[in-house]
PDB file of all heavy atoms in Angstrom:
ATOM      1  N   SER A   1    -132.935 132.400  68.965  1.00  0.00           N
ATOM      2  CA  SER A   1    -132.399 131.656  70.114  1.00  0.00           C
ATOM      3  C   SER A   1    -133.421 130.673  70.593  1.00  0.00           C
ATOM      4  O   SER A   1    -134.622 130.830  70.342  1.00  0.00           O
ATOM      5  CB  SER A   1    -132.026 132.646  71.230  1.00  0.00           C
ATOM      6  OG  SER A   1    -133.146 133.275  71.730  1.00  0.00           O
ATOM      7  N   VAL A   2    -132.948 129.661  71.244  1.00  0.00           N
ATOM      8  CA  VAL A   2    -133.855 128.649  71.814  1.00  0.00           C
ATOM      9  C   VAL A   2    -134.253 129.169  73.214  1.00  0.00           C
ATOM     10  O   VAL A   2    -133.431 129.329  74.037  1.00  0.00           O
ATOM     11  CB  VAL A   2    -133.177 127.288  71.938  1.00  0.00           C
ATOM     12  CG1 VAL A   2    -134.139 126.285  72.597  1.00  0.00           C
ATOM     13  CG2 VAL A   2    -132.782 126.774  70.568  1.00  0.00           C
ATOM     14  N   GLU A   3    -135.546 129.476  73.327  1.00  0.00           N
ATOM     15  CA  GLU A   3    -135.968 130.047  74.593  1.00  0.00           C
ATOM     16  C   GLU A   3    -136.168 128.919  75.623  1.00  0.00           C
ATOM     17  O   GLU A   3    -136.599 127.823  75.313  1.00  0.00           O
ATOM     18  CB  GLU A   3    -137.317 130.767  74.382  1.00  0.00           C
ATOM     19  CG  GLU A   3    -137.084 131.975  73.513  1.00  0.00           C
ATOM     20  CD  GLU A   3    -138.129 133.045  73.740  1.00  0.00           C
ATOM     21  OE1 GLU A   3    -138.821 132.978  74.766  1.00  0.00           O
ATOM     22  OE2 GLU A   3    -138.222 133.948  72.901  1.00  0.00           O
ATOM     23  N   ARG A   4    -135.825 129.269  76.834  1.00  0.00           N
ATOM     24  CA  ARG A   4    -136.018 128.376  77.929  1.00  0.00           C
ATOM     25  C   ARG A   4    -137.487 128.185  78.189  1.00  0.00           C
ATOM     26  O   ARG A   4    -138.208 129.131  78.322  1.00  0.00           O
ATOM     27  CB  ARG A   4    -135.330 128.931  79.164  1.00  0.00           C
ATOM     28  CG  ARG A   4    -135.142 128.037  80.272  1.00  0.00           C
ATOM     29  CD  ARG A   4    -134.368 128.731  81.372  1.00  0.00           C
ATOM     30  NE  ARG A   4    -133.740 127.751  82.177  1.00  0.00           N
ATOM     31  CZ  ARG A   4    -132.894 128.035  83.166  1.00  0.00           C
ATOM     32  NH1 ARG A   4    -132.601 129.275  83.422  1.00  0.00           N
ATOM     33  NH2 ARG A   4    -132.362 127.085  83.871  1.00  0.00           N
ATOM     34  N   PRO A   5    -137.966 126.913  78.208  1.00  0.00           N
ATOM     35  CA  PRO A   5    -139.402 126.705  78.452  1.00  0.00           C
ATOM     36  C   PRO A   5    -139.788 127.330  79.831  1.00  0.00           C
ATOM     37  O   PRO A   5    -139.000 127.275  80.770  1.00  0.00           O
ATOM     38  CB  PRO A   5    -139.551 125.187  78.516  1.00  0.00           C
ATOM     39  CG  PRO A   5    -138.350 124.659  77.792  1.00  0.00           C
ATOM     40  CD  PRO A   5    -137.275 125.672  78.018  1.00  0.00           C
ATOM     41  N   SER A   6    -140.967 127.860  79.908  1.00  0.00           N
ATOM     42  CA  SER A   6    -141.409 128.455  81.181  1.00  0.00           C
ATOM     43  C   SER A   6    -141.700 127.382  82.189  1.00  0.00           C
ATOM     44  O   SER A   6    -142.126 126.272  81.816  1.00  0.00           O
ATOM     45  CB  SER A   6    -142.603 129.355  80.961  1.00  0.00           C
ATOM     46  OG  SER A   6    -143.671 128.594  80.460  1.00  0.00           O
ATOM     47  N   LEU A   7    -141.509 127.710  83.412  1.00  0.00           N
ATOM     48  CA  LEU A   7    -141.795 126.762  84.496  1.00  0.00           C
ATOM     49  C   LEU A   7    -143.291 126.824  84.831  1.00  0.00           C
ATOM     50  O   LEU A   7    -143.850 127.934  84.849  1.00  0.00           O
ATOM     51  CB  LEU A   7    -140.978 127.071  85.738  1.00  0.00           C
ATOM     52  CG  LEU A   7    -139.464 126.929  85.597  1.00  0.00           C
ATOM     53  CD1 LEU A   7    -138.791 127.405  86.885  1.00  0.00           C
ATOM     54  CD2 LEU A   7    -139.060 125.551  85.256  1.00  0.00           C
ATOM     55  N   THR A   8    -143.892 125.710  85.090  1.00  0.00           N
ATOM     56  CA  THR A   8    -145.289 125.722  85.492  1.00  0.00           C
ATOM     57  C   THR A   8    -145.372 125.155  86.912  1.00  0.00           C
ATOM     58  O   THR A   8    -144.658 124.236  87.261  1.00  0.00           O
ATOM     59  CB  THR A   8    -146.139 124.820  84.533  1.00  0.00           C
ATOM     60  OG1 THR A   8    -145.548 123.523  84.450  1.00  0.00           O
ATOM     61  CG2 THR A   8    -146.158 125.387  83.141  1.00  0.00           C
ATOM     62  N   PRO A   9    -146.241 125.764  87.707  1.00  0.00           N
ATOM     63  CA  PRO A   9    -146.382 125.304  89.114  1.00  0.00           C
ATOM     64  C   PRO A   9    -146.890 123.888  89.142  1.00  0.00           C
ATOM     65  O   PRO A   9    -147.702 123.477  88.306  1.00  0.00           O
ATOM     66  CB  PRO A   9    -147.339 126.270  89.731  1.00  0.00           C
ATOM     67  CG  PRO A   9    -147.757 127.213  88.690  1.00  0.00           C
ATOM     68  CD  PRO A   9    -147.113 126.872  87.426  1.00  0.00           C
ATOM     69  N   ARG A  10    -146.380 123.126  90.095  1.00  0.00           N
ATOM     70  CA  ARG A  10    -146.881 121.777  90.251  1.00  0.00           C
ATOM     71  C   ARG A  10    -148.139 121.826  91.099  1.00  0.00           C
ATOM     72  O   ARG A  10    -148.335 122.689  91.927  1.00  0.00           O
ATOM     73  CB  ARG A  10    -145.827 120.923  90.992  1.00  0.00           C
ATOM     74  CG  ARG A  10    -144.628 120.658  90.157  1.00  0.00           C
ATOM     75  CD  ARG A  10    -143.846 119.504  90.630  1.00  0.00           C
ATOM     76  NE  ARG A  10    -143.161 119.801  91.903  1.00  0.00           N
ATOM     77  CZ  ARG A  10    -142.395 118.925  92.513  1.00  0.00           C
ATOM     78  NH1 ARG A  10    -142.219 117.748  92.045  1.00  0.00           N
ATOM     79  NH2 ARG A  10    -141.824 119.251  93.619  1.00  0.00           N
ATOM     80  N   GLU A  11    -148.996 120.839  90.817  1.00  0.00           N
ATOM     81  CA  GLU A  11    -150.227 120.767  91.604  1.00  0.00           C
ATOM     82  C   GLU A  11    -149.876 120.209  93.006  1.00  0.00           C
ATOM     83  O   GLU A  11    -148.928 119.463  93.155  1.00  0.00           O
ATOM     84  CB  GLU A  11    -151.180 119.730  90.943  1.00  0.00           C
ATOM     85  CG  GLU A  11    -151.674 120.203  89.575  1.00  0.00           C
ATOM     86  CD  GLU A  11    -152.532 121.394  89.649  1.00  0.00           C
ATOM     87  OE1 GLU A  11    -153.324 121.545  90.617  1.00  0.00           O
ATOM     88  OE2 GLU A  11    -152.454 122.245  88.728  1.00  0.00           O
ATOM     89  N   ASN A  12    -150.624 120.686  93.991  1.00  0.00           N
ATOM     90  CA  ASN A  12    -150.387 120.133  95.336  1.00  0.00           C
ATOM     91  C   ASN A  12    -150.846 118.685  95.359  1.00  0.00           C
ATOM     92  O   ASN A  12    -151.923 118.364  94.926  1.00  0.00           O
ATOM     93  CB  ASN A  12    -151.223 120.931  96.366  1.00  0.00           C
ATOM     94  CG  ASN A  12    -150.664 122.291  96.578  1.00  0.00           C
ATOM     95  OD1 ASN A  12    -149.516 122.562  96.290  1.00  0.00           O
ATOM     96  ND2 ASN A  12    -151.482 123.211  97.090  1.00  0.00           N
ATOM     97  N   SER A  13    -149.965 117.847  95.775  1.00  0.00           N
ATOM     98  CA  SER A  13    -150.278 116.416  95.842  1.00  0.00           C
ATOM     99  C   SER A  13    -149.380 115.800  96.881  1.00  0.00           C
ATOM    100  O   SER A  13    -148.453 116.415  97.405  1.00  0.00           O
ATOM    101  CB  SER A  13    -150.089 115.731  94.485  1.00  0.00           C
ATOM    102  OG  SER A  13    -148.700 115.646  94.202  1.00  0.00           O
ATOM    103  N   GLU A  14    -149.660 114.555  97.198  1.00  0.00           N
ATOM    104  CA  GLU A  14    -148.861 113.918  98.225  1.00  0.00           C
ATOM    105  C   GLU A  14    -147.453 113.624  97.716  1.00  0.00           C
ATOM    106  O   GLU A  14    -146.550 113.344  98.509  1.00  0.00           O
ATOM    107  CB  GLU A  14    -149.579 112.598  98.648  1.00  0.00           C
ATOM    108  CG  GLU A  14    -150.861 112.947  99.375  1.00  0.00           C
ATOM    109  CD  GLU A  14    -151.491 111.744 100.016  1.00  0.00           C
ATOM    110  OE1 GLU A  14    -150.755 110.763 100.317  1.00  0.00           O
ATOM    111  OE2 GLU A  14    -152.701 111.726 100.208  1.00  0.00           O
ATOM    112  N   THR A  15    -147.214 113.629  96.409  1.00  0.00           N
ATOM    113  CA  THR A  15    -145.911 113.403  95.873  1.00  0.00           C
ATOM    114  C   THR A  15    -145.065 114.654  95.766  1.00  0.00           C
ATOM    115  O   THR A  15    -143.923 114.624  95.386  1.00  0.00           O
ATOM    116  CB  THR A  15    -146.008 112.775  94.458  1.00  0.00           C
ATOM    117  OG1 THR A  15    -146.688 113.648  93.602  1.00  0.00           O
ATOM    118  CG2 THR A  15    -146.722 111.439  94.519  1.00  0.00           C
ATOM    119  N   SER A  16    -145.662 115.833  96.059  1.00  0.00           N
ATOM    120  CA  SER A  16    -144.909 117.086  96.042  1.00  0.00           C
ATOM    121  C   SER A  16    -143.781 117.085  97.106  1.00  0.00           C
ATOM    122  O   SER A  16    -143.963 116.469  98.168  1.00  0.00           O
ATOM    123  CB  SER A  16    -145.808 118.280  96.308  1.00  0.00           C
ATOM    124  OG  SER A  16    -146.747 118.439  95.309  1.00  0.00           O
ATOM    125  N   GLU A  17    -142.693 117.720  96.783  1.00  0.00           N
ATOM    126  CA  GLU A  17    -141.632 117.768  97.724  1.00  0.00           C
ATOM    127  C   GLU A  17    -142.044 118.699  98.895  1.00  0.00           C
ATOM    128  O   GLU A  17    -142.730 119.672  98.779  1.00  0.00           O
ATOM    129  CB  GLU A  17    -140.380 118.336  97.064  1.00  0.00           C
ATOM    130  CG  GLU A  17    -139.872 117.402  96.008  1.00  0.00           C
ATOM    131  CD  GLU A  17    -138.603 117.933  95.326  1.00  0.00           C
ATOM    132  OE1 GLU A  17    -137.814 118.581  95.999  1.00  0.00           O
ATOM    133  OE2 GLU A  17    -138.450 117.649  94.158  1.00  0.00           O
ATOM    134  N   VAL A  18    -141.579 118.304 100.070  1.00  0.00           N
ATOM    135  CA  VAL A  18    -141.894 119.077 101.290  1.00  0.00           C
ATOM    136  C   VAL A  18    -140.802 120.127 101.515  1.00  0.00           C
ATOM    137  O   VAL A  18    -139.649 119.865 101.365  1.00  0.00           O
ATOM    138  CB  VAL A  18    -141.959 118.103 102.496  1.00  0.00           C
ATOM    139  CG1 VAL A  18    -142.219 118.863 103.787  1.00  0.00           C
ATOM    140  CG2 VAL A  18    -142.989 117.034 102.246  1.00  0.00           C
ATOM    141  N   LEU A  19    -141.255 121.320 101.860  1.00  0.00           N
ATOM    142  CA  LEU A  19    -140.292 122.409 102.163  1.00  0.00           C
ATOM    143  C   LEU A  19    -139.734 122.186 103.553  1.00  0.00           C
ATOM    144  O   LEU A  19    -140.402 121.672 104.442  1.00  0.00           O
ATOM    145  CB  LEU A  19    -141.023 123.754 102.150  1.00  0.00           C
ATOM    146  CG  LEU A  19    -141.604 124.214 100.802  1.00  0.00           C
ATOM    147  CD1 LEU A  19    -142.316 125.547 100.997  1.00  0.00           C
ATOM    148  CD2 LEU A  19    -140.498 124.358  99.776  1.00  0.00           C
ATOM    149  N   SER A  20    -138.477 122.607 103.716  1.00  0.00           N
ATOM    150  CA  SER A  20    -137.875 122.533 105.037  1.00  0.00           C
ATOM    151  C   SER A  20    -138.551 123.613 105.928  1.00  0.00           C
ATOM    152  O   SER A  20    -139.245 124.514 105.434  1.00  0.00           O
ATOM    153  CB  SER A  20    -136.347 122.825 104.949  1.00  0.00           C
ATOM    154  OG  SER A  20    -136.172 124.190 104.624  1.00  0.00           O
ATOM    155  N   PHE A  21    -138.354 123.545 107.227  1.00  0.00           N
ATOM    156  CA  PHE A  21    -138.925 124.493 108.143  1.00  0.00           C
ATOM    157  C   PHE A  21    -138.450 125.896 107.759  1.00  0.00           C
ATOM    158  O   PHE A  21    -139.217 126.827 107.748  1.00  0.00           O
ATOM    159  CB  PHE A  21    -138.578 124.186 109.580  1.00  0.00           C
ATOM    160  CG  PHE A  21    -139.111 125.169 110.523  1.00  0.00           C
ATOM    161  CD1 PHE A  21    -140.459 125.219 110.822  1.00  0.00           C
ATOM    162  CD2 PHE A  21    -138.283 126.114 111.134  1.00  0.00           C
ATOM    163  CE1 PHE A  21    -141.003 126.157 111.713  1.00  0.00           C
ATOM    164  CE2 PHE A  21    -138.836 127.062 112.002  1.00  0.00           C
ATOM    165  CZ  PHE A  21    -140.171 127.091 112.286  1.00  0.00           C
ATOM    166  N   ALA A  22    -137.141 126.048 107.453  1.00  0.00           N
ATOM    167  CA  ALA A  22    -136.611 127.376 107.106  1.00  0.00           C
ATOM    168  C   ALA A  22    -137.258 127.901 105.816  1.00  0.00           C
ATOM    169  O   ALA A  22    -137.576 129.115 105.731  1.00  0.00           O
ATOM    170  CB  ALA A  22    -135.096 127.316 106.932  1.00  0.00           C
ATOM    171  N   GLN A  23    -137.469 127.046 104.824  1.00  0.00           N
ATOM    172  CA  GLN A  23    -138.153 127.480 103.594  1.00  0.00           C
ATOM    173  C   GLN A  23    -139.601 127.855 103.895  1.00  0.00           C
ATOM    174  O   GLN A  23    -140.074 128.860 103.327  1.00  0.00           O
ATOM    175  CB  GLN A  23    -138.099 126.385 102.556  1.00  0.00           C
ATOM    176  CG  GLN A  23    -136.711 126.101 102.017  1.00  0.00           C
ATOM    177  CD  GLN A  23    -136.674 124.852 101.176  1.00  0.00           C
ATOM    178  OE1 GLN A  23    -137.281 123.826 101.472  1.00  0.00           O
ATOM    179  NE2 GLN A  23    -135.940 124.921 100.058  1.00  0.00           N
ATOM    180  N   GLN A  24    -140.265 127.109 104.726  1.00  0.00           N
ATOM    181  CA  GLN A  24    -141.637 127.435 105.076  1.00  0.00           C
ATOM    182  C   GLN A  24    -141.716 128.815 105.797  1.00  0.00           C
ATOM    183  O   GLN A  24    -142.592 129.624 105.485  1.00  0.00           O
ATOM    184  CB  GLN A  24    -142.266 126.343 105.998  1.00  0.00           C
ATOM    185  CG  GLN A  24    -142.502 125.047 105.348  1.00  0.00           C
ATOM    186  CD  GLN A  24    -142.978 123.989 106.318  1.00  0.00           C
ATOM    187  OE1 GLN A  24    -143.518 124.329 107.392  1.00  0.00           O
ATOM    188  NE2 GLN A  24    -142.776 122.724 105.970  1.00  0.00           N
ATOM    189  N   ARG A  25    -140.768 129.064 106.666  1.00  0.00           N
ATOM    190  CA  ARG A  25    -140.739 130.327 107.411  1.00  0.00           C
ATOM    191  C   ARG A  25    -140.493 131.478 106.445  1.00  0.00           C
ATOM    192  O   ARG A  25    -141.210 132.504 106.498  1.00  0.00           O
ATOM    193  CB  ARG A  25    -139.602 130.295 108.407  1.00  0.00           C
ATOM    194  CG  ARG A  25    -139.549 131.548 109.287  1.00  0.00           C
ATOM    195  CD  ARG A  25    -138.430 131.483 110.297  1.00  0.00           C
ATOM    196  NE  ARG A  25    -137.110 131.559 109.633  1.00  0.00           N
ATOM    197  CZ  ARG A  25    -136.163 130.689 109.778  1.00  0.00           C
ATOM    198  NH1 ARG A  25    -136.272 129.640 110.575  1.00  0.00           N
ATOM    199  NH2 ARG A  25    -135.035 130.829 109.124  1.00  0.00           N
ATOM    200  N   LEU A  26    -139.591 131.350 105.502  1.00  0.00           N
ATOM    201  CA  LEU A  26    -139.321 132.408 104.515  1.00  0.00           C
ATOM    202  C   LEU A  26    -140.501 132.662 103.632  1.00  0.00           C
ATOM    203  O   LEU A  26    -140.847 133.791 103.288  1.00  0.00           O
ATOM    204  CB  LEU A  26    -138.070 132.154 103.706  1.00  0.00           C
ATOM    205  CG  LEU A  26    -136.733 132.256 104.472  1.00  0.00           C
ATOM    206  CD1 LEU A  26    -135.592 131.807 103.597  1.00  0.00           C
ATOM    207  CD2 LEU A  26    -136.535 133.651 104.997  1.00  0.00           C
ATOM    208  N   TRP A  27    -141.164 131.563 103.213  1.00  0.00           N
ATOM    209  CA  TRP A  27    -142.359 131.713 102.375  1.00  0.00           C
ATOM    210  C   TRP A  27    -143.453 132.434 103.168  1.00  0.00           C
ATOM    211  O   TRP A  27    -144.089 133.328 102.635  1.00  0.00           O
ATOM    212  CB  TRP A  27    -142.847 130.325 101.966  1.00  0.00           C
ATOM    213  CG  TRP A  27    -144.128 130.394 101.140  1.00  0.00           C
ATOM    214  CD1 TRP A  27    -144.216 130.574  99.799  1.00  0.00           C
ATOM    215  CD2 TRP A  27    -145.458 130.306 101.642  1.00  0.00           C
ATOM    216  NE1 TRP A  27    -145.526 130.630  99.391  1.00  0.00           N
ATOM    217  CE2 TRP A  27    -146.307 130.473 100.522  1.00  0.00           C
ATOM    218  CE3 TRP A  27    -146.029 130.136 102.885  1.00  0.00           C
ATOM    219  CZ2 TRP A  27    -147.704 130.445 100.620  1.00  0.00           C
ATOM    220  CZ3 TRP A  27    -147.405 130.088 102.989  1.00  0.00           C
ATOM    221  CH2 TRP A  27    -148.237 130.247 101.892  1.00  0.00           C
ATOM    222  N   PHE A  28    -143.631 132.046 104.427  1.00  0.00           N
ATOM    223  CA  PHE A  28    -144.659 132.694 105.262  1.00  0.00           C
ATOM    224  C   PHE A  28    -144.383 134.187 105.421  1.00  0.00           C
ATOM    225  O   PHE A  28    -145.278 135.013 105.251  1.00  0.00           O
ATOM    226  CB  PHE A  28    -144.757 132.037 106.622  1.00  0.00           C
ATOM    227  CG  PHE A  28    -145.752 132.670 107.532  1.00  0.00           C
ATOM    228  CD1 PHE A  28    -147.103 132.488 107.355  1.00  0.00           C
ATOM    229  CD2 PHE A  28    -145.282 133.506 108.554  1.00  0.00           C
ATOM    230  CE1 PHE A  28    -148.038 133.130 108.188  1.00  0.00           C
ATOM    231  CE2 PHE A  28    -146.230 134.142 109.406  1.00  0.00           C
ATOM    232  CZ  PHE A  28    -147.570 133.924 109.211  1.00  0.00           C
ATOM    233  N   ILE A  29    -143.136 134.548 105.701  1.00  0.00           N
ATOM    234  CA  ILE A  29    -142.797 135.959 105.888  1.00  0.00           C
ATOM    235  C   ILE A  29    -143.021 136.726 104.584  1.00  0.00           C
ATOM    236  O   ILE A  29    -143.550 137.823 104.593  1.00  0.00           O
ATOM    237  CB  ILE A  29    -141.344 136.072 106.379  1.00  0.00           C
ATOM    238  CG1 ILE A  29    -141.224 135.559 107.824  1.00  0.00           C
ATOM    239  CG2 ILE A  29    -140.844 137.541 106.284  1.00  0.00           C
ATOM    240  CD1 ILE A  29    -139.809 135.416 108.321  1.00  0.00           C
ATOM    241  N   ASP A  30    -142.680 136.100 103.435  1.00  0.00           N
ATOM    242  CA  ASP A  30    -142.864 136.749 102.160  1.00  0.00           C
ATOM    243  C   ASP A  30    -144.369 136.987 101.917  1.00  0.00           C
ATOM    244  O   ASP A  30    -144.789 138.026 101.421  1.00  0.00           O
ATOM    245  CB  ASP A  30    -142.280 135.951 101.020  1.00  0.00           C
ATOM    246  CG  ASP A  30    -142.402 136.647  99.684  1.00  0.00           C
ATOM    247  OD1 ASP A  30    -141.812 137.710  99.528  1.00  0.00           O
ATOM    248  OD2 ASP A  30    -143.121 136.102  98.825  1.00  0.00           O
ATOM    249  N   GLN A  31    -145.179 136.012 102.248  1.00  0.00           N
ATOM    250  CA  GLN A  31    -146.651 136.158 102.056  1.00  0.00           C
ATOM    251  C   GLN A  31    -147.209 137.226 103.014  1.00  0.00           C
ATOM    252  O   GLN A  31    -148.073 138.023 102.629  1.00  0.00           O
ATOM    253  CB  GLN A  31    -147.371 134.820 102.313  1.00  0.00           C
ATOM    254  CG  GLN A  31    -146.973 133.704 101.378  1.00  0.00           C
ATOM    255  CD  GLN A  31    -147.211 134.080  99.932  1.00  0.00           C
ATOM    256  OE1 GLN A  31    -148.326 134.414  99.543  1.00  0.00           O
ATOM    257  NE2 GLN A  31    -146.189 133.973  99.114  1.00  0.00           N
ATOM    258  N   LEU A  32    -146.716 137.266 104.214  1.00  0.00           N
ATOM    259  CA  LEU A  32    -147.187 138.216 105.239  1.00  0.00           C
ATOM    260  C   LEU A  32    -146.769 139.627 104.925  1.00  0.00           C
ATOM    261  O   LEU A  32    -147.603 140.549 105.028  1.00  0.00           O
ATOM    262  CB  LEU A  32    -146.638 137.770 106.605  1.00  0.00           C
ATOM    263  CG  LEU A  32    -147.168 138.543 107.820  1.00  0.00           C
ATOM    264  CD1 LEU A  32    -148.630 138.291 108.018  1.00  0.00           C
ATOM    265  CD2 LEU A  32    -146.366 138.126 109.045  1.00  0.00           C
TER     266      LEU A  32
END
């Protein structure tokens, strides 16, 4: 089978997409 290529994290840069406030909140709670 053709395996799906693995995703690699993007480097933090000014061109990175910004998370919405709700996404930031969920990420923070998950980290906490």
